[in-house]
């Protein structure tokens, strides 16, 4: 990976919110970070999603970037952590699916499966309610009203890129919330089934 020309100056500009500097930074590191993630998971969509999440986090925590000794090492380490988080989320989802399948094999009725769905739905609603007001509004317009990004932008008199960023941040927060709290539902359900 080629080191950016006068990288410290670029990092300082990013830290104070310079979007042009961030675009240069993003462009310089994007390709190699993507290759690194893809070389581990071999899934294009997942790799793209993790890259986007990584750079969103970098932008959201940009003022801390000046404290980083090696930007390259920081990006690779952060990418690896995000990938491991993604794998752990998949494991939680897989556990829940295994429990649902086990439930079906054991001849349990619709009520138990409905319980699982209901618990996850309630958790998702709790997560959505924790979003900042504008982000929550955008999230609900997309999810409940099924509006396109263009339609949301038009309705709220904001740019499509703002809608996209807010929606991405909202989805990321809800996903993390479900991951953090979803393990509890899977355990509760397992205990419910195994106690019968």
N, C-alpha and C. Protein backbone atom coordinates (compact mmCIF):
# COMPACT_ATOMS: atom_id res chain seq x y z
N UNK A 1 0.85 -1.18 0.00
CA UNK A 1 0.00 0.00 0.00
C UNK A 1 0.89 1.24 0.00
N UNK A 2 0.63 2.12 -0.91
CA UNK A 2 1.43 3.34 -1.03
C UNK A 2 1.04 4.32 0.07
N UNK A 3 2.04 4.87 0.75
CA UNK A 3 1.75 5.86 1.79
C UNK A 3 1.37 7.17 1.12
N UNK A 4 0.39 7.82 1.63
CA UNK A 4 -0.07 9.08 1.05
C UNK A 4 0.99 10.15 1.17
N UNK A 5 1.05 11.00 0.17
CA UNK A 5 1.97 12.13 0.23
C UNK A 5 1.53 13.05 1.37
N UNK A 6 2.45 13.38 2.23
CA UNK A 6 2.21 14.24 3.39
C UNK A 6 0.97 13.77 4.17
N UNK A 7 0.99 12.51 4.52
CA UNK A 7 -0.13 11.90 5.24
C UNK A 7 -0.49 12.60 6.55
N UNK A 8 0.50 13.00 7.36
CA UNK A 8 0.14 13.68 8.61
C UNK A 8 -0.71 14.93 8.39
N UNK A 9 -0.38 15.68 7.35
CA UNK A 9 -1.17 16.89 7.06
C UNK A 9 -2.60 16.50 6.65
N UNK A 10 -2.71 15.45 5.85
CA UNK A 10 -4.02 14.97 5.42
C UNK A 10 -4.85 14.52 6.62
N UNK A 11 -4.22 13.81 7.54
CA UNK A 11 -4.90 13.33 8.75
C UNK A 11 -5.38 14.51 9.59
N UNK A 12 -4.54 15.52 9.72
CA UNK A 12 -4.94 16.72 10.47
C UNK A 12 -6.14 17.41 9.83
N UNK A 13 -6.16 17.44 8.53
CA UNK A 13 -7.30 18.05 7.82
C UNK A 13 -8.57 17.22 8.04
N UNK A 14 -8.43 15.89 8.00
CA UNK A 14 -9.58 15.01 8.25
C UNK A 14 -10.11 15.24 9.65
N UNK A 15 -9.20 15.35 10.61
CA UNK A 15 -9.57 15.51 12.03
C UNK A 15 -10.44 16.74 12.27
N UNK A 16 -10.27 17.77 11.43
CA UNK A 16 -11.09 18.98 11.60
C UNK A 16 -12.30 18.99 10.65
N UNK A 17 -12.54 17.83 10.00
CA UNK A 17 -13.76 17.68 9.21
C UNK A 17 -13.64 18.00 7.74
N UNK A 18 -12.44 17.99 7.19
CA UNK A 18 -12.23 18.29 5.78
C UNK A 18 -12.62 17.07 4.93
N UNK A 19 -13.75 17.18 4.25
CA UNK A 19 -14.29 16.06 3.46
C UNK A 19 -13.42 15.74 2.25
N UNK A 20 -12.83 16.76 1.67
CA UNK A 20 -11.97 16.53 0.50
C UNK A 20 -10.75 15.69 0.90
N UNK A 21 -10.19 16.00 2.06
CA UNK A 21 -9.04 15.23 2.56
C UNK A 21 -9.47 13.79 2.84
N UNK A 22 -10.66 13.63 3.39
CA UNK A 22 -11.16 12.29 3.68
C UNK A 22 -11.36 11.49 2.40
N UNK A 23 -11.85 12.15 1.35
CA UNK A 23 -12.04 11.49 0.06
C UNK A 23 -10.71 10.99 -0.49
N UNK A 24 -9.67 11.81 -0.36
CA UNK A 24 -8.32 11.39 -0.80
C UNK A 24 -7.84 10.19 0.01
N UNK A 25 -8.06 10.26 1.30
CA UNK A 25 -7.67 9.18 2.22
C UNK A 25 -8.41 7.89 1.85
N UNK A 26 -9.72 8.00 1.67
CA UNK A 26 -10.58 6.87 1.32
C UNK A 26 -10.11 6.23 0.02
N UNK A 27 -9.88 7.07 -0.98
CA UNK A 27 -9.47 6.59 -2.30
C UNK A 27 -8.11 5.88 -2.22
N UNK A 28 -7.21 6.41 -1.43
CA UNK A 28 -5.87 5.82 -1.33
C UNK A 28 -5.88 4.45 -0.67
N UNK A 29 -6.75 4.25 0.33
CA UNK A 29 -6.73 3.01 1.10
C UNK A 29 -7.81 1.99 0.72
N UNK A 30 -8.82 2.44 0.03
CA UNK A 30 -9.99 1.60 -0.27
C UNK A 30 -9.64 0.25 -0.90
N UNK A 31 -8.92 0.28 -1.99
CA UNK A 31 -8.66 -0.93 -2.79
C UNK A 31 -7.95 -2.01 -1.97
N UNK A 32 -6.91 -1.64 -1.25
CA UNK A 32 -6.14 -2.63 -0.49
C UNK A 32 -6.88 -3.15 0.73
N UNK A 33 -7.65 -2.28 1.37
CA UNK A 33 -8.45 -2.73 2.53
C UNK A 33 -9.51 -3.72 2.04
N UNK A 34 -10.13 -3.41 0.90
CA UNK A 34 -11.14 -4.31 0.34
C UNK A 34 -10.51 -5.67 0.02
N UNK A 35 -9.35 -5.66 -0.62
CA UNK A 35 -8.66 -6.92 -0.97
C UNK A 35 -8.36 -7.74 0.28
N UNK A 36 -7.91 -7.06 1.32
CA UNK A 36 -7.58 -7.73 2.59
C UNK A 36 -8.81 -8.43 3.17
N UNK A 37 -9.92 -7.72 3.24
CA UNK A 37 -11.14 -8.30 3.80
C UNK A 37 -11.64 -9.44 2.92
N UNK A 38 -11.63 -9.20 1.62
CA UNK A 38 -12.11 -10.22 0.67
C UNK A 38 -11.25 -11.49 0.75
N UNK A 39 -9.96 -11.32 1.00
CA UNK A 39 -9.06 -12.49 1.07
C UNK A 39 -9.37 -13.37 2.27
N UNK A 40 -10.12 -12.84 3.23
CA UNK A 40 -10.49 -13.62 4.42
C UNK A 40 -11.89 -14.22 4.27
N UNK A 41 -12.84 -13.40 3.79
CA UNK A 41 -14.23 -13.90 3.77
C UNK A 41 -14.73 -14.36 2.39
N UNK A 42 -14.10 -13.93 1.31
CA UNK A 42 -14.46 -14.33 -0.06
C UNK A 42 -15.92 -14.04 -0.43
N UNK A 43 -16.51 -13.03 0.19
CA UNK A 43 -17.88 -12.63 -0.16
C UNK A 43 -17.85 -11.15 -0.50
N UNK A 44 -18.17 -10.85 -1.77
CA UNK A 44 -18.08 -9.48 -2.27
C UNK A 44 -18.93 -8.52 -1.45
N UNK A 45 -20.22 -8.86 -1.23
CA UNK A 45 -21.14 -7.97 -0.54
C UNK A 45 -20.69 -7.71 0.90
N UNK A 46 -20.24 -8.78 1.57
CA UNK A 46 -19.77 -8.64 2.95
C UNK A 46 -18.53 -7.75 2.99
N UNK A 47 -17.61 -7.97 2.07
CA UNK A 47 -16.38 -7.17 2.01
C UNK A 47 -16.71 -5.70 1.81
N UNK A 48 -17.63 -5.43 0.88
CA UNK A 48 -18.04 -4.04 0.62
C UNK A 48 -18.69 -3.41 1.85
N UNK A 49 -19.54 -4.18 2.50
CA UNK A 49 -20.24 -3.68 3.69
C UNK A 49 -19.26 -3.35 4.81
N UNK A 50 -18.28 -4.22 5.02
CA UNK A 50 -17.30 -4.00 6.09
C UNK A 50 -16.41 -2.79 5.76
N UNK A 51 -16.02 -2.66 4.50
CA UNK A 51 -15.22 -1.50 4.09
C UNK A 51 -15.99 -0.21 4.37
N UNK A 52 -17.27 -0.19 3.98
CA UNK A 52 -18.08 1.01 4.21
C UNK A 52 -18.20 1.31 5.70
N UNK A 53 -18.41 0.27 6.49
CA UNK A 53 -18.54 0.45 7.94
C UNK A 53 -17.23 0.97 8.53
N UNK A 54 -16.12 0.43 8.05
CA UNK A 54 -14.81 0.86 8.53
C UNK A 54 -14.60 2.36 8.28
N UNK A 55 -14.82 2.80 7.04
CA UNK A 55 -14.56 4.20 6.72
C UNK A 55 -15.59 5.13 7.37
N UNK A 56 -16.79 4.64 7.58
CA UNK A 56 -17.78 5.43 8.32
C UNK A 56 -17.30 5.65 9.75
N UNK A 57 -16.77 4.59 10.37
CA UNK A 57 -16.24 4.69 11.74
C UNK A 57 -15.05 5.64 11.79
N UNK A 58 -14.19 5.56 10.79
CA UNK A 58 -13.03 6.46 10.73
C UNK A 58 -13.51 7.91 10.68
N UNK A 59 -14.52 8.17 9.84
CA UNK A 59 -15.04 9.53 9.72
C UNK A 59 -15.71 9.98 11.02
N UNK A 60 -16.51 9.10 11.62
CA UNK A 60 -17.21 9.45 12.85
C UNK A 60 -16.24 9.72 14.00
N UNK A 61 -15.08 9.04 14.00
CA UNK A 61 -14.07 9.21 15.06
C UNK A 61 -12.84 9.93 14.53
N UNK A 62 -13.02 10.78 13.54
CA UNK A 62 -11.91 11.42 12.84
C UNK A 62 -10.96 12.21 13.75
N UNK A 63 -11.51 12.82 14.82
CA UNK A 63 -10.63 13.62 15.69
C UNK A 63 -9.59 12.76 16.42
N UNK A 64 -9.87 11.45 16.54
CA UNK A 64 -8.93 10.54 17.19
C UNK A 64 -7.84 10.03 16.24
N UNK A 65 -8.03 10.27 14.95
CA UNK A 65 -7.09 9.76 13.95
C UNK A 65 -5.69 10.34 14.13
N UNK A 66 -5.62 11.57 14.63
CA UNK A 66 -4.30 12.21 14.82
C UNK A 66 -3.47 11.50 15.90
N UNK A 67 -4.14 10.73 16.78
CA UNK A 67 -3.43 10.03 17.86
C UNK A 67 -2.86 8.68 17.40
N UNK A 68 -3.26 8.25 16.20
CA UNK A 68 -2.85 6.93 15.69
C UNK A 68 -1.41 7.00 15.17
N UNK A 69 -0.59 6.05 15.63
CA UNK A 69 0.82 6.05 15.22
C UNK A 69 0.98 5.58 13.78
N UNK A 70 0.31 4.46 13.43
CA UNK A 70 0.38 3.94 12.07
C UNK A 70 -1.04 3.80 11.53
N UNK A 71 -1.38 4.67 10.61
CA UNK A 71 -2.72 4.66 10.02
C UNK A 71 -2.99 3.35 9.30
N UNK A 72 -1.99 2.87 8.58
CA UNK A 72 -2.13 1.61 7.84
C UNK A 72 -2.45 0.46 8.79
N UNK A 73 -1.69 0.33 9.86
CA UNK A 73 -1.93 -0.74 10.84
C UNK A 73 -3.30 -0.58 11.50
N UNK A 74 -3.65 0.66 11.79
CA UNK A 74 -4.95 0.96 12.42
C UNK A 74 -6.11 0.50 11.53
N UNK A 75 -6.00 0.80 10.24
CA UNK A 75 -7.07 0.42 9.29
C UNK A 75 -7.19 -1.10 9.18
N UNK A 76 -6.06 -1.78 9.05
CA UNK A 76 -6.11 -3.24 8.93
C UNK A 76 -6.64 -3.89 10.21
N UNK A 77 -6.20 -3.39 11.35
CA UNK A 77 -6.66 -3.93 12.63
C UNK A 77 -8.17 -3.70 12.80
N UNK A 78 -8.62 -2.49 12.46
CA UNK A 78 -10.05 -2.16 12.57
C UNK A 78 -10.87 -3.03 11.62
N UNK A 79 -10.36 -3.23 10.41
CA UNK A 79 -11.05 -4.08 9.43
C UNK A 79 -11.18 -5.50 9.96
N UNK A 80 -10.10 -6.00 10.57
CA UNK A 80 -10.13 -7.36 11.12
C UNK A 80 -11.17 -7.46 12.25
N UNK A 81 -11.22 -6.46 13.12
CA UNK A 81 -12.21 -6.47 14.21
C UNK A 81 -13.64 -6.44 13.67
N UNK A 82 -13.88 -5.62 12.66
CA UNK A 82 -15.22 -5.54 12.07
C UNK A 82 -15.60 -6.87 11.43
N UNK A 83 -14.63 -7.52 10.79
CA UNK A 83 -14.89 -8.81 10.17
C UNK A 83 -15.21 -9.86 11.23
N UNK A 84 -14.48 -9.86 12.33
CA UNK A 84 -14.76 -10.80 13.42
C UNK A 84 -16.12 -10.51 14.05
N UNK A 85 -16.47 -9.23 14.18
CA UNK A 85 -17.81 -8.88 14.69
C UNK A 85 -18.89 -9.43 13.77
N UNK A 86 -18.64 -9.30 12.46
CA UNK A 86 -19.59 -9.81 11.47
C UNK A 86 -19.75 -11.33 11.62
N UNK A 87 -18.63 -12.03 11.79
CA UNK A 87 -18.66 -13.49 11.94
C UNK A 87 -19.42 -13.87 13.21
N UNK A 88 -19.18 -13.12 14.30
CA UNK A 88 -19.90 -13.40 15.55
C UNK A 88 -21.40 -13.18 15.38
N UNK A 89 -21.78 -12.13 14.65
CA UNK A 89 -23.21 -11.88 14.38
C UNK A 89 -23.82 -13.04 13.62
N UNK A 90 -23.07 -13.54 12.63
CA UNK A 90 -23.56 -14.69 11.86
C UNK A 90 -23.75 -15.91 12.76
N UNK A 91 -22.83 -16.08 13.71
CA UNK A 91 -22.94 -17.21 14.63
C UNK A 91 -24.19 -17.10 15.50
N UNK A 92 -24.48 -15.87 15.96
CA UNK A 92 -25.69 -15.66 16.77
C UNK A 92 -26.93 -15.96 15.93
N UNK A 93 -26.94 -15.43 14.68
CA UNK A 93 -28.08 -15.69 13.80
C UNK A 93 -28.21 -17.18 13.51
N UNK A 94 -27.07 -17.84 13.32
CA UNK A 94 -27.08 -19.27 13.05
C UNK A 94 -27.63 -20.05 14.24
N UNK A 95 -27.25 -19.63 15.46
CA UNK A 95 -27.78 -20.28 16.66
C UNK A 95 -29.30 -20.14 16.71
N UNK A 96 -29.78 -18.94 16.44
CA UNK A 96 -31.23 -18.70 16.47
C UNK A 96 -31.93 -19.58 15.43
N UNK A 97 -31.34 -19.66 14.22
CA UNK A 97 -31.94 -20.50 13.17
C UNK A 97 -31.91 -21.97 13.56
N UNK A 98 -30.80 -22.40 14.18
CA UNK A 98 -30.71 -23.80 14.65
C UNK A 98 -31.81 -24.09 15.67
N UNK A 99 -32.05 -23.14 16.54
CA UNK A 99 -33.07 -23.32 17.57
C UNK A 99 -34.46 -23.39 16.94
N UNK A 100 -34.69 -22.53 15.95
CA UNK A 100 -35.99 -22.56 15.25
C UNK A 100 -36.18 -23.91 14.56
N UNK A 101 -35.10 -24.38 13.91
CA UNK A 101 -35.16 -25.68 13.21
C UNK A 101 -35.40 -26.81 14.21
N UNK A 102 -34.68 -26.76 15.32
CA UNK A 102 -34.86 -27.76 16.37
C UNK A 102 -36.30 -27.74 16.88
N UNK A 103 -36.80 -26.54 17.04
CA UNK A 103 -38.17 -26.33 17.49
C UNK A 103 -39.15 -27.02 16.53
N UNK A 104 -38.93 -26.82 15.22
CA UNK A 104 -39.81 -27.42 14.21
C UNK A 104 -39.70 -28.95 14.25
N UNK A 105 -38.46 -29.46 14.38
CA UNK A 105 -38.26 -30.91 14.41
C UNK A 105 -38.92 -31.55 15.64
N UNK A 106 -38.95 -30.80 16.72
CA UNK A 106 -39.55 -31.32 17.95
C UNK A 106 -41.08 -31.19 17.93
N UNK A 107 -41.60 -30.66 16.83
CA UNK A 107 -43.04 -30.56 16.70
C UNK A 107 -43.66 -29.44 17.51
N UNK A 108 -42.84 -28.43 17.86
CA UNK A 108 -43.40 -27.31 18.62
C UNK A 108 -44.33 -26.52 17.72
N UNK A 109 -45.28 -25.84 18.32
CA UNK A 109 -46.28 -25.12 17.51
C UNK A 109 -45.81 -23.73 17.12
N UNK A 110 -46.64 -23.06 16.36
CA UNK A 110 -46.37 -21.74 15.82
C UNK A 110 -46.07 -20.72 16.92
N UNK A 111 -46.66 -20.88 18.07
CA UNK A 111 -46.52 -19.91 19.16
C UNK A 111 -45.07 -19.69 19.54
N UNK A 112 -44.29 -20.78 19.62
CA UNK A 112 -42.89 -20.63 20.00
C UNK A 112 -42.09 -19.86 18.95
N UNK A 113 -42.30 -20.20 17.66
CA UNK A 113 -41.61 -19.48 16.59
C UNK A 113 -42.05 -18.02 16.57
N UNK A 114 -43.31 -17.81 16.82
CA UNK A 114 -43.84 -16.45 16.86
C UNK A 114 -43.19 -15.69 18.02
N UNK A 115 -42.93 -16.38 19.12
CA UNK A 115 -42.27 -15.76 20.28
C UNK A 115 -40.89 -15.23 19.87
N UNK A 116 -40.12 -16.05 19.14
CA UNK A 116 -38.78 -15.65 18.71
C UNK A 116 -38.87 -14.40 17.83
N UNK A 117 -39.73 -14.48 16.81
CA UNK A 117 -39.89 -13.35 15.90
C UNK A 117 -40.29 -12.10 16.68
N UNK A 118 -41.25 -12.28 17.58
CA UNK A 118 -41.77 -11.17 18.37
C UNK A 118 -40.67 -10.54 19.22
N UNK A 119 -39.82 -11.38 19.82
CA UNK A 119 -38.72 -10.86 20.65
C UNK A 119 -37.73 -10.06 19.81
N UNK A 120 -37.34 -10.60 18.65
CA UNK A 120 -36.40 -9.89 17.78
C UNK A 120 -37.02 -8.60 17.25
N UNK A 121 -38.31 -8.67 16.90
CA UNK A 121 -39.00 -7.48 16.40
C UNK A 121 -39.02 -6.39 17.46
N UNK A 122 -39.33 -6.77 18.70
CA UNK A 122 -39.36 -5.79 19.79
C UNK A 122 -37.98 -5.18 20.02
N UNK A 123 -36.95 -6.04 19.93
CA UNK A 123 -35.58 -5.53 20.09
C UNK A 123 -35.23 -4.54 18.98
N UNK A 124 -35.63 -4.88 17.75
CA UNK A 124 -35.36 -3.98 16.63
C UNK A 124 -36.07 -2.64 16.84
N UNK A 125 -37.31 -2.68 17.31
CA UNK A 125 -38.06 -1.45 17.59
C UNK A 125 -37.38 -0.62 18.68
N UNK A 126 -36.87 -1.29 19.71
CA UNK A 126 -36.15 -0.59 20.78
C UNK A 126 -34.92 0.11 20.21
N UNK A 127 -34.20 -0.60 19.34
CA UNK A 127 -33.00 -0.02 18.72
C UNK A 127 -33.36 1.19 17.88
N UNK A 128 -34.42 1.07 17.08
CA UNK A 128 -34.86 2.18 16.22
C UNK A 128 -35.24 3.39 17.07
N UNK A 129 -35.91 3.14 18.19
CA UNK A 129 -36.32 4.24 19.08
C UNK A 129 -35.14 4.97 19.69
N UNK A 130 -33.98 4.31 19.75
CA UNK A 130 -32.78 4.94 20.32
C UNK A 130 -32.02 5.81 19.31
N UNK A 131 -32.42 5.73 18.04
CA UNK A 131 -31.74 6.52 17.01
C UNK A 131 -32.04 8.01 17.19
N UNK A 132 -31.11 8.88 16.78
CA UNK A 132 -31.40 10.32 16.79
C UNK A 132 -32.65 10.58 15.93
N UNK A 133 -33.37 11.62 16.25
CA UNK A 133 -34.70 11.87 15.66
C UNK A 133 -34.70 11.85 14.13
N UNK A 134 -33.78 12.57 13.49
CA UNK A 134 -33.75 12.65 12.03
C UNK A 134 -33.41 11.28 11.42
N UNK A 135 -32.45 10.58 12.03
CA UNK A 135 -32.05 9.26 11.54
C UNK A 135 -33.22 8.28 11.68
N UNK A 136 -33.93 8.38 12.80
CA UNK A 136 -35.09 7.51 13.04
C UNK A 136 -36.16 7.77 11.98
N UNK A 137 -36.38 9.04 11.67
CA UNK A 137 -37.39 9.40 10.67
C UNK A 137 -37.03 8.81 9.30
N UNK A 138 -35.76 8.94 8.91
CA UNK A 138 -35.29 8.39 7.64
C UNK A 138 -35.43 6.88 7.63
N UNK A 139 -35.02 6.26 8.72
CA UNK A 139 -35.08 4.80 8.86
C UNK A 139 -36.52 4.31 8.69
N UNK A 140 -37.46 4.98 9.36
CA UNK A 140 -38.86 4.56 9.30
C UNK A 140 -39.48 4.81 7.93
N UNK A 141 -39.09 5.90 7.28
CA UNK A 141 -39.61 6.17 5.93
C UNK A 141 -39.16 5.07 4.97
N UNK A 142 -37.94 4.60 5.15
CA UNK A 142 -37.42 3.53 4.29
C UNK A 142 -38.05 2.18 4.63
N UNK A 143 -38.10 1.88 5.93
CA UNK A 143 -38.56 0.58 6.39
C UNK A 143 -40.08 0.44 6.33
N UNK A 144 -40.78 1.38 6.91
CA UNK A 144 -42.24 1.27 7.01
C UNK A 144 -42.98 1.75 5.76
N UNK A 145 -42.53 2.89 5.23
CA UNK A 145 -43.21 3.45 4.06
C UNK A 145 -42.62 2.96 2.75
N UNK A 146 -41.47 2.27 2.83
CA UNK A 146 -40.78 1.72 1.67
C UNK A 146 -40.46 2.76 0.60
N UNK A 147 -40.09 3.96 1.05
CA UNK A 147 -39.72 5.02 0.12
C UNK A 147 -38.29 4.78 -0.37
N UNK A 148 -38.01 5.22 -1.57
CA UNK A 148 -36.64 5.12 -2.11
C UNK A 148 -35.81 6.24 -1.48
N UNK A 149 -34.50 6.16 -1.65
CA UNK A 149 -33.61 7.20 -1.11
C UNK A 149 -33.96 8.56 -1.72
N UNK A 150 -34.25 8.57 -3.02
CA UNK A 150 -34.63 9.82 -3.70
C UNK A 150 -35.92 10.39 -3.12
N UNK A 151 -36.90 9.53 -2.89
CA UNK A 151 -38.18 9.98 -2.35
C UNK A 151 -38.02 10.55 -0.94
N UNK A 152 -37.17 9.90 -0.13
CA UNK A 152 -36.93 10.39 1.23
C UNK A 152 -36.25 11.75 1.17
N UNK A 153 -35.24 11.87 0.30
CA UNK A 153 -34.52 13.14 0.15
C UNK A 153 -35.47 14.26 -0.24
N UNK A 154 -36.36 13.96 -1.18
CA UNK A 154 -37.34 14.95 -1.64
C UNK A 154 -38.30 15.33 -0.52
N UNK A 155 -38.79 14.34 0.18
CA UNK A 155 -39.76 14.56 1.27
C UNK A 155 -39.16 15.39 2.41
N UNK A 156 -37.89 15.12 2.74
CA UNK A 156 -37.26 15.80 3.88
C UNK A 156 -36.42 17.02 3.48
N UNK A 157 -36.36 17.29 2.17
CA UNK A 157 -35.61 18.44 1.65
C UNK A 157 -34.12 18.37 2.03
N UNK A 158 -33.56 17.18 1.85
CA UNK A 158 -32.13 16.98 2.08
C UNK A 158 -31.55 16.22 0.90
N UNK A 159 -30.23 16.15 0.83
CA UNK A 159 -29.61 15.46 -0.31
C UNK A 159 -29.70 13.94 -0.15
N UNK A 160 -29.62 13.27 -1.28
CA UNK A 160 -29.66 11.81 -1.28
C UNK A 160 -28.48 11.23 -0.51
N UNK A 161 -27.31 11.87 -0.62
CA UNK A 161 -26.12 11.37 0.08
C UNK A 161 -26.30 11.45 1.60
N UNK A 162 -26.98 12.49 2.08
CA UNK A 162 -27.26 12.61 3.52
C UNK A 162 -28.20 11.48 3.94
N UNK A 163 -29.23 11.22 3.12
CA UNK A 163 -30.17 10.14 3.41
C UNK A 163 -29.41 8.82 3.50
N UNK A 164 -28.55 8.58 2.52
CA UNK A 164 -27.80 7.33 2.46
C UNK A 164 -26.91 7.15 3.69
N UNK A 165 -26.19 8.21 4.07
CA UNK A 165 -25.30 8.14 5.24
C UNK A 165 -26.10 7.91 6.52
N UNK A 166 -27.20 8.63 6.67
CA UNK A 166 -28.03 8.48 7.87
C UNK A 166 -28.64 7.08 7.94
N UNK A 167 -29.10 6.60 6.80
CA UNK A 167 -29.70 5.27 6.74
C UNK A 167 -28.66 4.20 7.06
N UNK A 168 -27.48 4.35 6.49
CA UNK A 168 -26.41 3.38 6.74
C UNK A 168 -26.04 3.36 8.23
N UNK A 169 -25.92 4.55 8.81
CA UNK A 169 -25.58 4.64 10.24
C UNK A 169 -26.69 4.02 11.08
N UNK A 170 -27.95 4.23 10.68
CA UNK A 170 -29.09 3.65 11.40
C UNK A 170 -29.09 2.14 11.34
N UNK A 171 -28.87 1.60 10.16
CA UNK A 171 -28.84 0.14 9.97
C UNK A 171 -27.70 -0.46 10.78
N UNK A 172 -26.54 0.20 10.74
CA UNK A 172 -25.38 -0.28 11.49
C UNK A 172 -25.67 -0.33 12.99
N UNK A 173 -26.32 0.73 13.50
CA UNK A 173 -26.65 0.78 14.94
C UNK A 173 -27.64 -0.32 15.31
N UNK A 174 -28.69 -0.48 14.50
CA UNK A 174 -29.72 -1.49 14.79
C UNK A 174 -29.10 -2.88 14.76
N UNK A 175 -28.24 -3.13 13.76
CA UNK A 175 -27.60 -4.44 13.65
C UNK A 175 -26.75 -4.74 14.89
N UNK A 176 -25.98 -3.73 15.33
CA UNK A 176 -25.14 -3.92 16.52
C UNK A 176 -26.00 -4.15 17.76
N UNK A 177 -27.08 -3.42 17.84
CA UNK A 177 -27.99 -3.56 19.00
C UNK A 177 -28.56 -4.97 19.04
N UNK A 178 -29.01 -5.46 17.87
CA UNK A 178 -29.57 -6.81 17.80
C UNK A 178 -28.52 -7.86 18.10
N UNK A 179 -27.30 -7.63 17.62
CA UNK A 179 -26.22 -8.57 17.91
C UNK A 179 -25.96 -8.64 19.41
N UNK A 180 -25.89 -7.46 20.03
CA UNK A 180 -25.59 -7.38 21.45
C UNK A 180 -26.69 -8.02 22.30
N UNK A 181 -27.95 -7.79 21.91
CA UNK A 181 -29.07 -8.28 22.71
C UNK A 181 -29.66 -9.59 22.19
N UNK A 182 -29.34 -9.95 20.95
CA UNK A 182 -29.90 -11.16 20.34
C UNK A 182 -29.44 -12.44 20.99
N UNK A 183 -28.23 -12.44 21.49
CA UNK A 183 -27.69 -13.63 22.17
C UNK A 183 -28.59 -14.02 23.33
N UNK A 184 -29.14 -13.00 24.02
CA UNK A 184 -30.02 -13.26 25.17
C UNK A 184 -31.27 -14.00 24.73
N UNK A 185 -31.86 -13.57 23.61
CA UNK A 185 -33.07 -14.23 23.10
C UNK A 185 -32.76 -15.67 22.73
N UNK A 186 -31.63 -15.90 22.07
CA UNK A 186 -31.26 -17.26 21.67
C UNK A 186 -31.10 -18.15 22.91
N UNK A 187 -30.45 -17.62 23.94
CA UNK A 187 -30.26 -18.41 25.17
C UNK A 187 -31.59 -18.69 25.86
N UNK A 188 -32.44 -17.66 25.96
CA UNK A 188 -33.75 -17.85 26.59
C UNK A 188 -34.57 -18.91 25.86
N UNK A 189 -34.52 -18.84 24.53
CA UNK A 189 -35.29 -19.80 23.75
C UNK A 189 -34.74 -21.21 23.94
N UNK A 190 -33.43 -21.33 23.95
CA UNK A 190 -32.80 -22.64 24.17
C UNK A 190 -33.24 -23.21 25.52
N UNK A 191 -33.21 -22.37 26.54
CA UNK A 191 -33.61 -22.82 27.88
C UNK A 191 -35.09 -23.23 27.91
N UNK A 192 -35.91 -22.47 27.17
CA UNK A 192 -37.34 -22.79 27.11
C UNK A 192 -37.56 -24.17 26.49
N UNK A 193 -36.86 -24.42 25.38
CA UNK A 193 -37.02 -25.69 24.67
C UNK A 193 -36.44 -26.84 25.48
N UNK A 194 -35.24 -26.64 26.05
CA UNK A 194 -34.58 -27.75 26.75
C UNK A 194 -35.24 -28.07 28.09
N UNK A 195 -36.05 -27.17 28.61
CA UNK A 195 -36.70 -27.44 29.90
C UNK A 195 -38.00 -28.22 29.74
N UNK A 196 -38.40 -28.49 28.50
CA UNK A 196 -39.66 -29.21 28.28
C UNK A 196 -39.47 -30.70 28.33
